[in-house]
Amino acid sequence: MIQIFGTNKSFDCKAAQRFFKERRIPFQFIDLREKGMSPGEFASVVASISKTKGGRAAAIESMIDTSSKDYASISYLDDSEKESKLFENQAQLLKVPVCRNGKTEATVGMDTDAWKTWS
């Protein structure tokens, strides 16, 4: 089953839900303001994105919402600190929607091309 992590106010999250709903693909929506990703879920998303982005540091960088008002709190940190700061502040700093297909596939942001291969 597809998991969509995001916020109820995000238009991209609503669009992701609509994408899967229109294709009758079952999904579970998790509001990051109520319940964040577990350490295991976060690690599997980072590992999956690392495969496509060419490494862990690049994956973490691509997961950060640079338009967030809280971006300044993470932009100056070095790579090792960014991952823990991102995990601790998922609702504020994570680019949404984060979509997981099992434990091996994940996307950050709108990625309909990848999602089409999941159905």
PDB file of N, CA and C in Angstrom:
ATOM      1  N   MET A   1       0.833  -1.183   0.000  1.00  0.00           N
ATOM      2  CA  MET A   1       0.000   0.000   0.000  1.00  0.00           C
ATOM      3  C   MET A   1       0.880   1.250   0.000  1.00  0.00           C
ATOM      4  N   ILE A   2       0.420   2.259  -0.703  1.00  0.00           N
ATOM      5  CA  ILE A   2       1.128   3.531  -0.791  1.00  0.00           C
ATOM      6  C   ILE A   2       0.897   4.318   0.498  1.00  0.00           C
ATOM      7  N   GLN A   3       1.939   4.945   0.996  1.00  0.00           N
ATOM      8  CA  GLN A   3       1.822   5.862   2.131  1.00  0.00           C
ATOM      9  C   GLN A   3       2.169   7.253   1.637  1.00  0.00           C
ATOM     10  N   ILE A   4       1.325   8.217   1.985  1.00  0.00           N
ATOM     11  CA  ILE A   4       1.588   9.609   1.639  1.00  0.00           C
ATOM     12  C   ILE A   4       1.774  10.375   2.940  1.00  0.00           C
ATOM     13  N   PHE A   5       2.968  10.921   3.136  1.00  0.00           N
ATOM     14  CA  PHE A   5       3.246  11.751   4.306  1.00  0.00           C
ATOM     15  C   PHE A   5       3.179  13.205   3.868  1.00  0.00           C
ATOM     16  N   GLY A   6       2.460  14.017   4.624  1.00  0.00           N
ATOM     17  CA  GLY A   6       2.359  15.425   4.270  1.00  0.00           C
ATOM     18  C   GLY A   6       1.487  16.169   5.258  1.00  0.00           C
ATOM     19  N   THR A   7       0.927  17.274   4.808  1.00  0.00           N
ATOM     20  CA  THR A   7       0.037  18.073   5.653  1.00  0.00           C
ATOM     21  C   THR A   7      -1.284  18.291   4.916  1.00  0.00           C
ATOM     22  N   ASN A   8      -2.343  18.458   5.680  1.00  0.00           N
ATOM     23  CA  ASN A   8      -3.669  18.646   5.089  1.00  0.00           C
ATOM     24  C   ASN A   8      -3.787  19.955   4.325  1.00  0.00           C
ATOM     25  N   LYS A   9      -2.953  20.933   4.646  1.00  0.00           N
ATOM     26  CA  LYS A   9      -3.041  22.237   3.992  1.00  0.00           C
ATOM     27  C   LYS A   9      -2.279  22.298   2.672  1.00  0.00           C
ATOM     28  N   SER A  10      -1.439  21.325   2.397  1.00  0.00           N
ATOM     29  CA  SER A  10      -0.601  21.340   1.197  1.00  0.00           C
ATOM     30  C   SER A  10      -1.389  20.952  -0.049  1.00  0.00           C
ATOM     31  N   PHE A  11      -1.341  21.831  -1.051  1.00  0.00           N
ATOM     32  CA  PHE A  11      -2.020  21.536  -2.316  1.00  0.00           C
ATOM     33  C   PHE A  11      -1.377  20.345  -3.017  1.00  0.00           C
ATOM     34  N   ASP A  12      -0.060  20.212  -2.912  1.00  0.00           N
ATOM     35  CA  ASP A  12       0.626  19.071  -3.524  1.00  0.00           C
ATOM     36  C   ASP A  12       0.199  17.758  -2.883  1.00  0.00           C
ATOM     37  N   CYS A  13      -0.018  17.758  -1.583  1.00  0.00           N
ATOM     38  CA  CYS A  13      -0.477  16.543  -0.897  1.00  0.00           C
ATOM     39  C   CYS A  13      -1.883  16.171  -1.360  1.00  0.00           C
ATOM     40  N   LYS A  14      -2.730  17.173  -1.515  1.00  0.00           N
ATOM     41  CA  LYS A  14      -4.092  16.919  -2.015  1.00  0.00           C
ATOM     42  C   LYS A  14      -4.036  16.385  -3.442  1.00  0.00           C
ATOM     43  N   ALA A  15      -3.132  16.934  -4.246  1.00  0.00           N
ATOM     44  CA  ALA A  15      -2.982  16.467  -5.632  1.00  0.00           C
ATOM     45  C   ALA A  15      -2.477  15.031  -5.670  1.00  0.00           C
ATOM     46  N   ALA A  16      -1.566  14.683  -4.771  1.00  0.00           N
ATOM     47  CA  ALA A  16      -1.058  13.306  -4.704  1.00  0.00           C
ATOM     48  C   ALA A  16      -2.185  12.338  -4.322  1.00  0.00           C
ATOM     49  N   GLN A  17      -2.995  12.730  -3.340  1.00  0.00           N
ATOM     50  CA  GLN A  17      -4.116  11.883  -2.946  1.00  0.00           C
ATOM     51  C   GLN A  17      -5.091  11.701  -4.113  1.00  0.00           C
ATOM     52  N   ARG A  18      -5.362  12.787  -4.829  1.00  0.00           N
ATOM     53  CA  ARG A  18      -6.262  12.720  -5.984  1.00  0.00           C
ATOM     54  C   ARG A  18      -5.676  11.801  -7.067  1.00  0.00           C
ATOM     55  N   PHE A  19      -4.364  11.890  -7.294  1.00  0.00           N
ATOM     56  CA  PHE A  19      -3.695  11.051  -8.294  1.00  0.00           C
ATOM     57  C   PHE A  19      -3.955   9.568  -8.019  1.00  0.00           C
ATOM     58  N   PHE A  20      -3.736   9.151  -6.770  1.00  0.00           N
ATOM     59  CA  PHE A  20      -3.919   7.732  -6.435  1.00  0.00           C
ATOM     60  C   PHE A  20      -5.396   7.350  -6.398  1.00  0.00           C
ATOM     61  N   LYS A  21      -6.244   8.250  -5.926  1.00  0.00           N
ATOM     62  CA  LYS A  21      -7.682   7.991  -5.860  1.00  0.00           C
ATOM     63  C   LYS A  21      -8.254   7.769  -7.264  1.00  0.00           C
ATOM     64  N   GLU A  22      -7.860   8.622  -8.215  1.00  0.00           N
ATOM     65  CA  GLU A  22      -8.363   8.515  -9.588  1.00  0.00           C
ATOM     66  C   GLU A  22      -7.962   7.197 -10.237  1.00  0.00           C
ATOM     67  N   ARG A  23      -6.856   6.631  -9.817  1.00  0.00           N
ATOM     68  CA  ARG A  23      -6.377   5.367 -10.382  1.00  0.00           C
ATOM     69  C   ARG A  23      -6.779   4.175  -9.522  1.00  0.00           C
ATOM     70  N   ARG A  24      -7.601   4.432  -8.520  1.00  0.00           N
ATOM     71  CA  ARG A  24      -8.096   3.405  -7.590  1.00  0.00           C
ATOM     72  C   ARG A  24      -6.950   2.617  -6.951  1.00  0.00           C
ATOM     73  N   ILE A  25      -5.877   3.346  -6.628  1.00  0.00           N
ATOM     74  CA  ILE A  25      -4.737   2.736  -5.942  1.00  0.00           C
ATOM     75  C   ILE A  25      -4.901   3.045  -4.459  1.00  0.00           C
ATOM     76  N   PRO A  26      -4.992   2.022  -3.612  1.00  0.00           N
ATOM     77  CA  PRO A  26      -5.186   2.290  -2.183  1.00  0.00           C
ATOM     78  C   PRO A  26      -3.969   2.999  -1.577  1.00  0.00           C
ATOM     79  N   PHE A  27      -4.240   3.950  -0.711  1.00  0.00           N
ATOM     80  CA  PHE A  27      -3.166   4.680  -0.052  1.00  0.00           C
ATOM     81  C   PHE A  27      -3.585   5.044   1.361  1.00  0.00           C
ATOM     82  N   GLN A  28      -2.591   5.383   2.149  1.00  0.00           N
ATOM     83  CA  GLN A  28      -2.801   5.831   3.529  1.00  0.00           C
ATOM     84  C   GLN A  28      -2.156   7.206   3.634  1.00  0.00           C
ATOM     85  N   PHE A  29      -2.924   8.196   4.110  1.00  0.00           N
ATOM     86  CA  PHE A  29      -2.384   9.533   4.289  1.00  0.00           C
ATOM     87  C   PHE A  29      -2.002   9.723   5.752  1.00  0.00           C
ATOM     88  N   ILE A  30      -0.787  10.179   5.999  1.00  0.00           N
ATOM     89  CA  ILE A  30      -0.305  10.447   7.360  1.00  0.00           C
ATOM     90  C   ILE A  30       0.031  11.930   7.448  1.00  0.00           C
ATOM     91  N   ASP A  31      -0.670  12.631   8.338  1.00  0.00           N
ATOM     92  CA  ASP A  31      -0.432  14.064   8.526  1.00  0.00           C
ATOM     93  C   ASP A  31       0.801  14.226   9.419  1.00  0.00           C
ATOM     94  N   LEU A  32       1.831  14.858   8.878  1.00  0.00           N
ATOM     95  CA  LEU A  32       3.087  15.023   9.623  1.00  0.00           C
ATOM     96  C   LEU A  32       2.918  15.921  10.852  1.00  0.00           C
ATOM     97  N   ARG A  33       1.885  16.739  10.883  1.00  0.00           N
ATOM     98  CA  ARG A  33       1.665  17.591  12.060  1.00  0.00           C
ATOM     99  C   ARG A  33       1.126  16.776  13.233  1.00  0.00           C
ATOM    100  N   GLU A  34       0.449  15.676  12.923  1.00  0.00           N
ATOM    101  CA  GLU A  34      -0.103  14.815  13.973  1.00  0.00           C
ATOM    102  C   GLU A  34       0.845  13.677  14.343  1.00  0.00           C
ATOM    103  N   LYS A  35       1.433  13.069  13.318  1.00  0.00           N
ATOM    104  CA  LYS A  35       2.285  11.893  13.541  1.00  0.00           C
ATOM    105  C   LYS A  35       3.354  11.864  12.464  1.00  0.00           C
ATOM    106  N   GLY A  36       4.583  12.015  12.865  1.00  0.00           N
ATOM    107  CA  GLY A  36       5.678  12.003  11.906  1.00  0.00           C
ATOM    108  C   GLY A  36       6.085  10.599  11.514  1.00  0.00           C
ATOM    109  N   MET A  37       7.063  10.532  10.637  1.00  0.00           N
ATOM    110  CA  MET A  37       7.613   9.234  10.244  1.00  0.00           C
ATOM    111  C   MET A  37       8.396   8.647  11.412  1.00  0.00           C
ATOM    112  N   SER A  38       8.349   7.345  11.534  1.00  0.00           N
ATOM    113  CA  SER A  38       9.168   6.667  12.542  1.00  0.00           C
ATOM    114  C   SER A  38      10.616   6.695  12.050  1.00  0.00           C
ATOM    115  N   PRO A  39      11.567   6.427  12.938  1.00  0.00           N
ATOM    116  CA  PRO A  39      12.969   6.379  12.484  1.00  0.00           C
ATOM    117  C   PRO A  39      13.185   5.381  11.346  1.00  0.00           C
ATOM    118  N   GLY A  40      12.507   4.243  11.399  1.00  0.00           N
ATOM    119  CA  GLY A  40      12.644   3.234  10.347  1.00  0.00           C
ATOM    120  C   GLY A  40      12.071   3.698   9.023  1.00  0.00           C
ATOM    121  N   GLU A  41      10.892   4.336   9.068  1.00  0.00           N
ATOM    122  CA  GLU A  41      10.275   4.861   7.848  1.00  0.00           C
ATOM    123  C   GLU A  41      11.159   5.942   7.225  1.00  0.00           C
ATOM    124  N   PHE A  42      11.651   6.833   8.064  1.00  0.00           N
ATOM    125  CA  PHE A  42      12.508   7.921   7.588  1.00  0.00           C
ATOM    126  C   PHE A  42      13.769   7.353   6.944  1.00  0.00           C
ATOM    127  N   ALA A  43      14.380   6.374   7.599  1.00  0.00           N
ATOM    128  CA  ALA A  43      15.609   5.754   7.069  1.00  0.00           C
ATOM    129  C   ALA A  43      15.353   5.080   5.729  1.00  0.00           C
ATOM    130  N   SER A  44      14.207   4.410   5.578  1.00  0.00           N
ATOM    131  CA  SER A  44      13.927   3.731   4.306  1.00  0.00           C
ATOM    132  C   SER A  44      13.656   4.743   3.191  1.00  0.00           C
ATOM    133  N   VAL A  45      13.025   5.877   3.520  1.00  0.00           N
ATOM    134  CA  VAL A  45      12.810   6.929   2.517  1.00  0.00           C
ATOM    135  C   VAL A  45      14.156   7.505   2.082  1.00  0.00           C
ATOM    136  N   VAL A  46      15.019   7.800   3.037  1.00  0.00           N
ATOM    137  CA  VAL A  46      16.348   8.348   2.714  1.00  0.00           C
ATOM    138  C   VAL A  46      17.134   7.355   1.857  1.00  0.00           C
ATOM    139  N   ALA A  47      17.091   6.072   2.225  1.00  0.00           N
ATOM    140  CA  ALA A  47      17.822   5.053   1.467  1.00  0.00           C
ATOM    141  C   ALA A  47      17.299   4.951   0.036  1.00  0.00           C
ATOM    142  N   SER A  48      15.982   4.995  -0.116  1.00  0.00           N
ATOM    143  CA  SER A  48      15.382   4.902  -1.444  1.00  0.00           C
ATOM    144  C   SER A  48      15.744   6.109  -2.306  1.00  0.00           C
ATOM    145  N   ILE A  49      15.677   7.293  -1.733  1.00  0.00           N
ATOM    146  CA  ILE A  49      15.980   8.504  -2.488  1.00  0.00           C
ATOM    147  C   ILE A  49      17.476   8.606  -2.783  1.00  0.00           C
ATOM    148  N   SER A  50      18.298   8.050  -1.900  1.00  0.00           N
ATOM    149  CA  SER A  50      19.754   8.029  -2.116  1.00  0.00           C
ATOM    150  C   SER A  50      20.115   7.313  -3.416  1.00  0.00           C
ATOM    151  N   LYS A  51      19.341   6.271  -3.741  1.00  0.00           N
ATOM    152  CA  LYS A  51      19.611   5.499  -4.963  1.00  0.00           C
ATOM    153  C   LYS A  51      19.448   6.361  -6.214  1.00  0.00           C
ATOM    154  N   THR A  52      18.440   7.230  -6.208  1.00  0.00           N
ATOM    155  CA  THR A  52      18.183   8.039  -7.403  1.00  0.00           C
ATOM    156  C   THR A  52      18.955   9.353  -7.404  1.00  0.00           C
ATOM    157  N   LYS A  53      19.325   9.858  -6.239  1.00  0.00           N
ATOM    158  CA  LYS A  53      20.006  11.157  -6.151  1.00  0.00           C
ATOM    159  C   LYS A  53      21.518  11.040  -6.085  1.00  0.00           C
ATOM    160  N   GLY A  54      22.023   9.817  -5.939  1.00  0.00           N
ATOM    161  CA  GLY A  54      23.471   9.633  -5.940  1.00  0.00           C
ATOM    162  C   GLY A  54      24.132   9.871  -4.597  1.00  0.00           C
ATOM    163  N   GLY A  55      23.536   9.354  -3.548  1.00  0.00           N
ATOM    164  CA  GLY A  55      24.171   9.436  -2.237  1.00  0.00           C
ATOM    165  C   GLY A  55      23.269  10.014  -1.170  1.00  0.00           C
ATOM    166  N   ARG A  56      23.643   9.729   0.062  1.00  0.00           N
ATOM    167  CA  ARG A  56      22.833  10.117   1.214  1.00  0.00           C
ATOM    168  C   ARG A  56      22.743  11.634   1.386  1.00  0.00           C
ATOM    169  N   ALA A  57      23.860  12.336   1.254  1.00  0.00           N
ATOM    170  CA  ALA A  57      23.863  13.791   1.439  1.00  0.00           C
ATOM    171  C   ALA A  57      22.979  14.473   0.397  1.00  0.00           C
ATOM    172  N   ALA A  58      23.054  14.008  -0.844  1.00  0.00           N
ATOM    173  CA  ALA A  58      22.220  14.574  -1.915  1.00  0.00           C
ATOM    174  C   ALA A  58      20.750  14.274  -1.666  1.00  0.00           C
ATOM    175  N   ALA A  59      20.463  13.095  -1.128  1.00  0.00           N
ATOM    176  CA  ALA A  59      19.078  12.725  -0.821  1.00  0.00           C
ATOM    177  C   ALA A  59      18.504  13.630   0.260  1.00  0.00           C
ATOM    178  N   ILE A  60      19.262  13.848   1.328  1.00  0.00           N
ATOM    179  CA  ILE A  60      18.808  14.719   2.419  1.00  0.00           C
ATOM    180  C   ILE A  60      18.581  16.127   1.890  1.00  0.00           C
ATOM    181  N   GLU A  61      19.507  16.614   1.075  1.00  0.00           N
ATOM    182  CA  GLU A  61      19.387  17.957   0.506  1.00  0.00           C
ATOM    183  C   GLU A  61      18.117  18.083  -0.334  1.00  0.00           C
ATOM    184  N   SER A  62      17.796  17.044  -1.105  1.00  0.00           N
ATOM    185  CA  SER A  62      16.617  17.091  -1.970  1.00  0.00           C
ATOM    186  C   SER A  62      15.314  16.974  -1.178  1.00  0.00           C
ATOM    187  N   MET A  63      15.389  16.490   0.048  1.00  0.00           N
ATOM    188  CA  MET A  63      14.196  16.329   0.886  1.00  0.00           C
ATOM    189  C   MET A  63      13.838  17.601   1.662  1.00  0.00           C
ATOM    190  N   ILE A  64      14.737  18.566   1.686  1.00  0.00           N
ATOM    191  CA  ILE A  64      14.509  19.790   2.456  1.00  0.00           C
ATOM    192  C   ILE A  64      13.706  20.786   1.631  1.00  0.00           C
ATOM    193  N   ASP A  65      12.667  21.327   2.240  1.00  0.00           N
ATOM    194  CA  ASP A  65      11.832  22.343   1.587  1.00  0.00           C
ATOM    195  C   ASP A  65      12.526  23.694   1.721  1.00  0.00           C
ATOM    196  N   THR A  66      13.171  24.126   0.650  1.00  0.00           N
ATOM    197  CA  THR A  66      13.936  25.380   0.699  1.00  0.00           C
ATOM    198  C   THR A  66      13.040  26.616   0.764  1.00  0.00           C
ATOM    199  N   SER A  67      11.740  26.463   0.480  1.00  0.00           N
ATOM    200  CA  SER A  67      10.827  27.599   0.569  1.00  0.00           C
ATOM    201  C   SER A  67      10.167  27.707   1.947  1.00  0.00           C
ATOM    202  N   SER A  68      10.494  26.789   2.835  1.00  0.00           N
ATOM    203  CA  SER A  68       9.933  26.808   4.188  1.00  0.00           C
ATOM    204  C   SER A  68      10.456  28.006   4.977  1.00  0.00           C
ATOM    205  N   LYS A  69       9.594  28.560   5.820  1.00  0.00           N
ATOM    206  CA  LYS A  69      10.040  29.686   6.652  1.00  0.00           C
ATOM    207  C   LYS A  69      11.089  29.235   7.676  1.00  0.00           C
ATOM    208  N   ASP A  70      11.160  27.937   7.936  1.00  0.00           N
ATOM    209  CA  ASP A  70      12.144  27.400   8.886  1.00  0.00           C
ATOM    210  C   ASP A  70      13.431  26.947   8.206  1.00  0.00           C
ATOM    211  N   TYR A  71      13.555  27.185   6.897  1.00  0.00           N
ATOM    212  CA  TYR A  71      14.737  26.725   6.150  1.00  0.00           C
ATOM    213  C   TYR A  71      16.037  27.273   6.733  1.00  0.00           C
ATOM    214  N   ALA A  72      16.021  28.495   7.234  1.00  0.00           N
ATOM    215  CA  ALA A  72      17.237  29.107   7.781  1.00  0.00           C
ATOM    216  C   ALA A  72      17.813  28.287   8.934  1.00  0.00           C
ATOM    217  N   SER A  73      16.952  27.566   9.652  1.00  0.00           N
ATOM    218  CA  SER A  73      17.426  26.783  10.797  1.00  0.00           C
ATOM    219  C   SER A  73      18.227  25.557  10.386  1.00  0.00           C
ATOM    220  N   ILE A  74      18.173  25.184   9.116  1.00  0.00           N
ATOM    221  CA  ILE A  74      18.880  23.984   8.672  1.00  0.00           C
ATOM    222  C   ILE A  74      19.918  24.288   7.595  1.00  0.00           C
ATOM    223  N   SER A  75      19.794  25.412   6.916  1.00  0.00           N
ATOM    224  CA  SER A  75      20.646  25.700   5.757  1.00  0.00           C
ATOM    225  C   SER A  75      22.131  25.798   6.101  1.00  0.00           C
ATOM    226  N   TYR A  76      22.456  26.245   7.294  1.00  0.00           N
ATOM    227  CA  TYR A  76      23.865  26.442   7.659  1.00  0.00           C
ATOM    228  C   TYR A  76      24.517  25.186   8.247  1.00  0.00           C
ATOM    229  N   LEU A  77      23.740  24.162   8.548  1.00  0.00           N
ATOM    230  CA  LEU A  77      24.289  22.958   9.191  1.00  0.00           C
ATOM    231  C   LEU A  77      25.105  22.125   8.203  1.00  0.00           C
ATOM    232  N   ASP A  78      26.034  21.322   8.750  1.00  0.00           N
ATOM    233  CA  ASP A  78      26.740  20.416   7.847  1.00  0.00           C
ATOM    234  C   ASP A  78      25.883  19.162   7.638  1.00  0.00           C
ATOM    235  N   ASP A  79      26.274  18.347   6.662  1.00  0.00           N
ATOM    236  CA  ASP A  79      25.444  17.228   6.226  1.00  0.00           C
ATOM    237  C   ASP A  79      25.038  16.284   7.359  1.00  0.00           C
ATOM    238  N   SER A  80      25.951  16.007   8.281  1.00  0.00           N
ATOM    239  CA  SER A  80      25.638  15.053   9.350  1.00  0.00           C
ATOM    240  C   SER A  80      24.552  15.590  10.284  1.00  0.00           C
ATOM    241  N   GLU A  81      24.497  16.894  10.464  1.00  0.00           N
ATOM    242  CA  GLU A  81      23.495  17.483  11.351  1.00  0.00           C
ATOM    243  C   GLU A  81      22.157  17.700  10.648  1.00  0.00           C
ATOM    244  N   LYS A  82      22.181  17.869   9.324  1.00  0.00           N
ATOM    245  CA  LYS A  82      20.953  18.135   8.576  1.00  0.00           C
ATOM    246  C   LYS A  82      19.957  16.983   8.697  1.00  0.00           C
ATOM    247  N   GLU A  83      20.460  15.750   8.632  1.00  0.00           N
ATOM    248  CA  GLU A  83      19.559  14.603   8.673  1.00  0.00           C
ATOM    249  C   GLU A  83      18.793  14.538   9.995  1.00  0.00           C
ATOM    250  N   SER A  84      19.479  14.730  11.120  1.00  0.00           N
ATOM    251  CA  SER A  84      18.782  14.665  12.405  1.00  0.00           C
ATOM    252  C   SER A  84      17.838  15.855  12.585  1.00  0.00           C
ATOM    253  N   LYS A  85      18.226  17.028  12.113  1.00  0.00           N
ATOM    254  CA  LYS A  85      17.358  18.213  12.206  1.00  0.00           C
ATOM    255  C   LYS A  85      16.104  18.010  11.345  1.00  0.00           C
ATOM    256  N   LEU A  86      16.268  17.429  10.164  1.00  0.00           N
ATOM    257  CA  LEU A  86      15.142  17.159   9.276  1.00  0.00           C
ATOM    258  C   LEU A  86      14.193  16.149   9.906  1.00  0.00           C
ATOM    259  N   PHE A  87      14.750  15.101  10.530  1.00  0.00           N
ATOM    260  CA  PHE A  87      13.917  14.087  11.182  1.00  0.00           C
ATOM    261  C   PHE A  87      13.128  14.694  12.344  1.00  0.00           C
ATOM    262  N   GLU A  88      13.784  15.542  13.126  1.00  0.00           N
ATOM    263  CA  GLU A  88      13.130  16.145  14.296  1.00  0.00           C
ATOM    264  C   GLU A  88      12.043  17.144  13.916  1.00  0.00           C
ATOM    265  N   ASN A  89      12.145  17.771  12.763  1.00  0.00           N
ATOM    266  CA  ASN A  89      11.213  18.828  12.341  1.00  0.00           C
ATOM    267  C   ASN A  89      10.574  18.505  10.992  1.00  0.00           C
ATOM    268  N   GLN A  90      10.027  17.302  10.885  1.00  0.00           N
ATOM    269  CA  GLN A  90       9.492  16.841   9.608  1.00  0.00           C
ATOM    270  C   GLN A  90       8.388  17.746   9.054  1.00  0.00           C
ATOM    271  N   ALA A  91       7.452  18.137   9.888  1.00  0.00           N
ATOM    272  CA  ALA A  91       6.306  18.927   9.413  1.00  0.00           C
ATOM    273  C   ALA A  91       6.737  20.305   8.910  1.00  0.00           C
ATOM    274  N   GLN A  92       7.817  20.845   9.473  1.00  0.00           N
ATOM    275  CA  GLN A  92       8.253  22.192   9.084  1.00  0.00           C
ATOM    276  C   GLN A  92       9.254  22.191   7.933  1.00  0.00           C
ATOM    277  N   LEU A  93      10.102  21.168   7.842  1.00  0.00           N
ATOM    278  CA  LEU A  93      11.236  21.220   6.913  1.00  0.00           C
ATOM    279  C   LEU A  93      11.173  20.262   5.729  1.00  0.00           C
ATOM    280  N   LEU A  94      10.331  19.249   5.808  1.00  0.00           N
ATOM    281  CA  LEU A  94      10.300  18.228   4.770  1.00  0.00           C
ATOM    282  C   LEU A  94       9.504  18.693   3.557  1.00  0.00           C
ATOM    283  N   LYS A  95      10.059  18.468   2.380  1.00  0.00           N
ATOM    284  CA  LYS A  95       9.341  18.751   1.145  1.00  0.00           C
ATOM    285  C   LYS A  95       8.247  17.694   1.011  1.00  0.00           C
ATOM    286  N   VAL A  96       7.012  18.122   0.838  1.00  0.00           N
ATOM    287  CA  VAL A  96       5.900  17.182   0.772  1.00  0.00           C
ATOM    288  C   VAL A  96       5.248  17.227  -0.609  1.00  0.00           C
ATOM    289  N   PRO A  97       4.570  16.183  -1.008  1.00  0.00           N
ATOM    290  CA  PRO A  97       4.324  14.947  -0.290  1.00  0.00           C
ATOM    291  C   PRO A  97       5.518  13.983  -0.375  1.00  0.00           C
ATOM    292  N   VAL A  98       5.687  13.208   0.678  1.00  0.00           N
ATOM    293  CA  VAL A  98       6.637  12.105   0.658  1.00  0.00           C
ATOM    294  C   VAL A  98       5.789  10.858   0.454  1.00  0.00           C
ATOM    295  N   CYS A  99       6.012  10.165  -0.647  1.00  0.00           N
ATOM    296  CA  CYS A  99       5.222   8.976  -0.961  1.00  0.00           C
ATOM    297  C   CYS A  99       6.115   7.744  -0.910  1.00  0.00           C
ATOM    298  N   ARG A 100       5.612   6.727  -0.217  1.00  0.00           N
ATOM    299  CA  ARG A 100       6.346   5.461  -0.102  1.00  0.00           C
ATOM    300  C   ARG A 100       5.543   4.344  -0.731  1.00  0.00           C
ATOM    301  N   ASN A 101       6.220   3.511  -1.486  1.00  0.00           N
ATOM    302  CA  ASN A 101       5.611   2.306  -2.036  1.00  0.00           C
ATOM    303  C   ASN A 101       6.394   1.136  -1.455  1.00  0.00           C
ATOM    304  N   GLY A 102       5.898   0.581  -0.370  1.00  0.00           N
ATOM    305  CA  GLY A 102       6.644  -0.468   0.323  1.00  0.00           C
ATOM    306  C   GLY A 102       7.871   0.126   0.982  1.00  0.00           C
ATOM    307  N   LYS A 103       8.894  -0.685   1.148  1.00  0.00           N
ATOM    308  CA  LYS A 103      10.099  -0.203   1.816  1.00  0.00           C
ATOM    309  C   LYS A 103      11.206   0.158   0.842  1.00  0.00           C
ATOM    310  N   THR A 104      10.967  -0.072  -0.448  1.00  0.00           N
ATOM    311  CA  THR A 104      12.056   0.112  -1.402  1.00  0.00           C
ATOM    312  C   THR A 104      11.916   1.322  -2.307  1.00  0.00           C
ATOM    313  N   GLU A 105      10.699   1.855  -2.463  1.00  0.00           N
ATOM    314  CA  GLU A 105      10.505   2.986  -3.362  1.00  0.00           C
ATOM    315  C   GLU A 105       9.923   4.171  -2.605  1.00  0.00           C
ATOM    316  N   ALA A 106      10.431   5.357  -2.905  1.00  0.00           N
ATOM    317  CA  ALA A 106       9.916   6.568  -2.273  1.00  0.00           C
ATOM    318  C   ALA A 106      10.202   7.768  -3.172  1.00  0.00           C
ATOM    319  N   THR A 107       9.340   8.776  -3.043  1.00  0.00           N
ATOM    320  CA  THR A 107       9.538  10.028  -3.767  1.00  0.00           C
ATOM    321  C   THR A 107       9.300  11.184  -2.808  1.00  0.00           C
ATOM    322  N   VAL A 108       9.889  12.323  -3.127  1.00  0.00           N
ATOM    323  CA  VAL A 108       9.685  13.539  -2.352  1.00  0.00           C
ATOM    324  C   VAL A 108       9.191  14.603  -3.315  1.00  0.00           C
ATOM    325  N   GLY A 109       8.103  15.268  -2.950  1.00  0.00           N
ATOM    326  CA  GLY A 109       7.513  16.252  -3.848  1.00  0.00           C
ATOM    327  C   GLY A 109       6.653  15.555  -4.892  1.00  0.00           C
ATOM    328  N   MET A 110       6.113  16.342  -5.801  1.00  0.00           N
ATOM    329  CA  MET A 110       5.263  15.791  -6.862  1.00  0.00           C
ATOM    330  C   MET A 110       6.132  15.036  -7.864  1.00  0.00           C
ATOM    331  N   ASP A 111       5.851  13.752  -8.025  1.00  0.00           N
ATOM    332  CA  ASP A 111       6.622  12.931  -8.967  1.00  0.00           C
ATOM    333  C   ASP A 111       5.689  11.931  -9.646  1.00  0.00           C
ATOM    334  N   THR A 112       4.764  12.449 -10.446  1.00  0.00           N
ATOM    335  CA  THR A 112       3.761  11.586 -11.064  1.00  0.00           C
ATOM    336  C   THR A 112       4.372  10.548 -12.007  1.00  0.00           C
ATOM    337  N   ASP A 113       5.513  10.862 -12.605  1.00  0.00           N
ATOM    338  CA  ASP A 113       6.149   9.890 -13.499  1.00  0.00           C
ATOM    339  C   ASP A 113       6.547   8.622 -12.728  1.00  0.00           C
ATOM    340  N   ALA A 114       7.109   8.799 -11.545  1.00  0.00           N
ATOM    341  CA  ALA A 114       7.478   7.645 -10.720  1.00  0.00           C
ATOM    342  C   ALA A 114       6.223   6.929 -10.223  1.00  0.00           C
ATOM    343  N   TRP A 115       5.223   7.683  -9.829  1.00  0.00           N
ATOM    344  CA  TRP A 115       3.998   7.079  -9.291  1.00  0.00           C
ATOM    345  C   TRP A 115       3.284   6.210 -10.326  1.00  0.00           C
ATOM    346  N   LYS A 116       3.371   6.604 -11.590  1.00  0.00           N
ATOM    347  CA  LYS A 116       2.696   5.829 -12.648  1.00  0.00           C
ATOM    348  C   LYS A 116       3.281   4.429 -12.738  1.00  0.00           C
ATOM    349  N   THR A 117       4.536   4.256 -12.378  1.00  0.00           N
ATOM    350  CA  THR A 117       5.161   2.923 -12.439  1.00  0.00           C
ATOM    351  C   THR A 117       4.756   2.063 -11.248  1.00  0.00           C
ATOM    352  N   TRP A 118       4.132   2.660 -10.240  1.00  0.00           N
ATOM    353  CA  TRP A 118       3.743   1.918  -9.034  1.00  0.00           C
ATOM    354  C   TRP A 118       2.408   1.194  -9.173  1.00  0.00           C
ATOM    355  N   SER A 119       1.588   1.591 -10.146  1.00  0.00           N
ATOM    356  CA  SER A 119       0.233   1.026 -10.219  1.00  0.00           C
ATOM    357  C   SER A 119       0.192  -0.371 -10.799  1.00  0.00           C
TER     358      SER A 119
END
